[in-house]
Amino acid sequence: MTAARASATFEELRTHLSRTTSLSPSEADRVIAEVLAYFDEDVPGFVRRRHAELQARGVRNDDAFERIAAELRTRPFSPPELSVRQLRRIVYT
């Protein structure tokens, strides 16, 4: 997709969201940016973010890494199968 086409598509999406929801154009822009960031997150970024979130909720590391490994299978990217050791390396390096 060209930059011009992407810009036109996002403008159409902003207009559609503003028209069909109670979102203002600036709120629609924030929602679009959040959705794009969600789908743009790579495996290491996801692992670090989820580990921090789970740690903040008091989840033990062993449980956190098992949960992260399971969650990776449901994400919109195709992650490689990572061992708990590989997950730890992503977080601590």
Protein backbone atom coordinates (compact mmCIF):
# COMPACT_ATOMS: atom_id res chain seq x y z
CA MET A 1 0.00 0.00 0.00
CA THR A 2 1.39 3.40 -0.91
CA ALA A 3 1.71 6.17 1.65
CA ALA A 4 -0.95 8.20 -0.14
CA ARG A 5 -3.36 5.25 -0.19
CA ALA A 6 -2.68 4.47 3.48
CA SER A 7 -3.34 8.10 4.39
CA ALA A 8 -6.63 8.08 2.46
CA THR A 9 -7.63 4.77 4.05
CA PHE A 10 -6.96 6.06 7.56
CA GLU A 11 -8.91 9.23 6.79
CA GLU A 12 -11.83 7.07 5.62
CA LEU A 13 -11.56 4.98 8.77
CA ARG A 14 -11.46 8.07 11.00
CA THR A 15 -14.56 9.45 9.25
CA HIS A 16 -16.32 6.09 9.56
CA LEU A 17 -15.52 5.76 13.27
CA SER A 18 -16.60 9.32 13.99
CA ARG A 19 -19.84 8.81 12.09
CA THR A 20 -20.76 5.43 13.54
CA THR A 21 -19.63 5.89 17.15
CA SER A 22 -19.52 8.67 19.71
CA LEU A 23 -15.81 9.21 19.03
CA SER A 24 -14.57 12.61 17.96
CA PRO A 25 -12.07 12.68 15.05
CA SER A 26 -9.16 13.10 17.49
CA GLU A 27 -10.43 10.21 19.64
CA ALA A 28 -10.81 8.09 16.50
CA ASP A 29 -7.20 8.92 15.61
CA ARG A 30 -6.07 7.69 19.03
CA VAL A 31 -8.07 4.47 18.67
CA ILE A 32 -6.60 3.85 15.21
CA ALA A 33 -3.08 4.49 16.51
CA GLU A 34 -3.65 2.12 19.44
CA VAL A 35 -4.96 -0.65 17.16
CA LEU A 36 -2.03 -0.23 14.76
CA ALA A 37 0.44 -0.35 17.66
CA TYR A 38 -1.25 -3.52 18.94
CA PHE A 39 -0.80 -5.27 15.60
CA ASP A 40 2.70 -3.88 15.12
CA GLU A 41 4.08 -5.23 18.42
CA ASP A 42 6.86 -7.77 17.91
CA VAL A 43 7.52 -10.84 20.03
CA PRO A 44 10.20 -9.31 22.31
CA GLY A 45 8.08 -6.20 22.86
CA PHE A 46 5.04 -8.30 23.73
CA VAL A 47 7.04 -10.53 26.09
CA ARG A 48 8.56 -7.56 27.94
CA ARG A 49 5.23 -5.73 28.20
CA ARG A 50 3.27 -8.76 29.41
CA HIS A 51 5.98 -9.74 31.88
CA ALA A 52 5.93 -6.24 33.39
CA GLU A 53 2.11 -6.29 33.56
CA LEU A 54 2.04 -9.69 35.23
CA GLN A 55 4.83 -8.76 37.65
CA ALA A 56 2.91 -5.63 38.63
CA ARG A 57 -0.04 -7.90 39.53
CA GLY A 58 2.20 -10.09 41.68
CA VAL A 59 2.33 -13.10 39.36
CA ARG A 60 5.36 -15.31 40.05
CA ASN A 61 7.89 -15.54 37.20
CA ASP A 62 7.36 -19.26 36.61
CA ASP A 63 3.63 -18.68 36.22
CA ALA A 64 4.15 -15.49 34.20
CA PHE A 65 6.42 -17.16 31.66
CA GLU A 66 4.05 -20.09 31.25
CA ARG A 67 1.15 -17.68 30.71
CA ILE A 68 3.17 -15.60 28.23
CA ALA A 69 4.10 -18.72 26.26
CA ALA A 70 0.40 -19.65 26.01
CA GLU A 71 -0.64 -16.10 25.06
CA LEU A 72 1.93 -15.95 22.26
CA ARG A 73 0.02 -18.66 20.42
CA THR A 74 -3.06 -16.41 20.23
CA ARG A 75 -1.38 -13.19 19.12
CA PRO A 76 -1.88 -11.77 15.60
CA PHE A 77 1.75 -12.44 14.71
CA SER A 78 3.28 -15.81 14.04
CA PRO A 79 5.83 -16.17 16.79
CA PRO A 80 8.37 -18.92 16.91
CA GLU A 81 7.85 -21.49 19.65
CA LEU A 82 9.88 -20.06 22.55
CA SER A 83 11.05 -21.95 25.61
CA VAL A 84 10.74 -20.47 29.08
CA ARG A 85 14.52 -19.93 28.99
CA GLN A 86 14.21 -17.90 25.76
CA LEU A 87 11.41 -15.84 27.29
CA ARG A 88 13.61 -15.10 30.31
CA ARG A 89 16.43 -13.97 28.01
CA ILE A 90 14.11 -11.54 26.23
CA VAL A 91 13.05 -9.99 29.54
CA TYR A 92 16.43 -9.86 31.26
CA THR A 93 18.77 -8.86 28.41
